[in-house]
C-alpha cells in the first residue's frame, strides 16, 4: 500500500507549520525515513557518553566481583561439578561390578 496523503511539515523560512504534499512512499520506506530522521536528532556525543558510562559500570561490576571472591567461589563450584561428572553415577558402577562378578563366575 502506498501512502498518498498530505503531511504536516515545518517551513524553515516561515517558522510555522504548513501542509505540503508528501511524495508517495511505501510503509517500509516511510519507516526507514522516519528512523533516519529520529537518529539524526540524537546528538553524536550522547553515544560516547553512553559508551563511557557502560564501560565504567562494567569495570565497577568486575572489580566488585573480584573483591568479594566471586570468581574463586565459581571456580570451586565448577571444579566440583566437573569432578562429579567425570565419574559415572553410583548405579552404573554397581552394574559394572555385578557384570564383572558374573563374568568371573563363568570362567
Protein backbone atom coordinates (compact mmCIF):
# COMPACT_ATOMS: atom_id res chain seq x y z
CA UNK A 1 0.00 0.00 0.00
CA UNK A 2 1.39 3.39 -0.91
CA UNK A 3 0.98 6.35 1.43
CA UNK A 4 -0.55 9.19 -0.62
CA UNK A 5 -1.70 11.69 1.97
CA UNK A 6 -0.51 15.09 2.96
CA UNK A 7 1.94 15.54 5.81
CA UNK A 8 2.48 18.37 8.21
CA UNK A 9 5.93 19.86 7.63
CA UNK A 10 7.62 22.77 9.31
CA UNK A 11 8.60 25.52 6.95
CA UNK A 12 12.12 26.72 7.68
CA UNK A 13 11.54 30.11 6.09
CA UNK A 14 8.22 30.88 7.76
CA UNK A 15 8.90 29.23 11.13
CA UNK A 16 5.38 27.78 11.25
CA UNK A 17 3.68 24.58 10.23
CA UNK A 18 2.23 24.23 6.73
CA UNK A 19 0.65 21.48 4.68
CA UNK A 20 2.83 20.26 1.85
CA UNK A 21 2.24 17.23 -0.35
CA UNK A 22 4.38 14.23 0.61
CA UNK A 23 6.00 12.05 -2.01
CA UNK A 24 4.49 8.58 -2.42
CA UNK A 25 6.26 6.15 -0.08
CA UNK A 26 5.68 2.54 0.78
CA UNK A 27 5.21 1.87 4.51
CA UNK A 28 8.70 0.36 4.82
CA UNK A 29 10.30 3.35 3.07
CA UNK A 30 8.35 5.69 5.31
CA UNK A 31 9.59 3.83 8.44
CA UNK A 32 13.18 3.94 7.20
CA UNK A 33 12.93 7.67 6.56
CA UNK A 34 11.32 8.30 9.96
CA UNK A 35 14.00 6.24 11.73
CA UNK A 36 16.77 8.09 9.90
CA UNK A 37 15.31 11.44 10.95
CA UNK A 38 14.95 10.27 14.55
CA UNK A 39 18.59 9.14 14.64
CA UNK A 40 19.73 12.47 13.22
CA UNK A 41 18.07 14.24 16.16
CA UNK A 42 20.21 12.33 18.69
CA UNK A 43 23.43 14.23 19.41
CA UNK A 44 26.55 12.29 18.45
CA UNK A 45 28.26 12.94 21.78
CA UNK A 46 25.43 11.05 23.52
CA UNK A 47 26.75 7.79 22.03
CA UNK A 48 30.18 8.45 23.54
CA UNK A 49 28.63 9.30 26.91
CA UNK A 50 26.57 6.09 26.94
CA UNK A 51 29.58 4.00 25.87
CA UNK A 52 31.78 5.58 28.56
CA UNK A 53 29.16 5.11 31.25
CA UNK A 54 28.67 1.47 30.22
CA UNK A 55 32.41 0.87 30.39
CA UNK A 56 32.66 2.40 33.87
CA UNK A 57 29.67 0.42 35.19
CA UNK A 58 31.08 -2.82 33.76
CA UNK A 59 34.50 -2.16 35.27
CA UNK A 60 32.90 -1.46 38.67
CA UNK A 61 30.96 -4.71 38.50
CA UNK A 62 34.11 -6.68 37.66
CA UNK A 63 36.02 -5.01 40.50
CA UNK A 64 33.18 -5.83 42.92
CA UNK A 65 33.18 -9.49 41.86
CA UNK A 66 36.96 -9.72 42.25
CA UNK A 67 36.95 -8.05 45.69
CA UNK A 68 34.12 -10.25 47.03
CA UNK A 69 35.72 -13.52 45.90
CA UNK A 70 33.03 -14.31 43.37
CA UNK A 71 35.42 -15.87 40.86
CA UNK A 72 37.09 -18.12 43.45
CA UNK A 73 33.68 -19.40 44.52
CA UNK A 74 32.59 -20.04 40.93
CA UNK A 75 35.87 -21.80 40.17
CA UNK A 76 35.41 -24.10 43.19
CA UNK A 77 31.81 -24.90 42.24
CA UNK A 78 32.81 -25.60 38.63
CA UNK A 79 35.64 -27.90 39.78
CA UNK A 80 33.20 -29.85 41.98
CA UNK A 81 30.73 -30.12 39.12
CA UNK A 82 33.36 -31.38 36.69
CA UNK A 83 34.66 -33.89 39.23
CA UNK A 84 31.13 -35.19 39.83
CA UNK A 85 30.55 -35.55 36.10
CA UNK A 86 33.92 -37.19 35.40
CA UNK A 87 33.00 -40.47 37.12
CA UNK A 88 29.88 -42.46 36.31
CA UNK A 89 26.91 -42.48 38.70
CA UNK A 90 26.80 -45.00 41.56
CA UNK A 91 24.20 -47.20 39.87
CA UNK A 92 26.43 -47.58 36.81
CA UNK A 93 29.39 -48.57 38.98
CA UNK A 94 27.20 -51.14 40.75
CA UNK A 95 26.08 -52.63 37.42
CA UNK A 96 29.68 -52.79 36.24
CA UNK A 97 30.71 -54.65 39.41
CA UNK A 98 27.81 -57.08 39.03
CA UNK A 99 28.77 -57.70 35.40
CA UNK A 100 32.39 -58.20 36.36
CA UNK A 101 31.43 -60.66 39.12
CA UNK A 102 29.13 -62.55 36.74
CA UNK A 103 31.81 -62.89 34.06
CA UNK A 104 34.37 -64.13 36.63
CA UNK A 105 31.95 -66.84 37.83
CA UNK A 106 31.58 -68.12 34.27
CA UNK A 107 35.34 -68.64 33.93
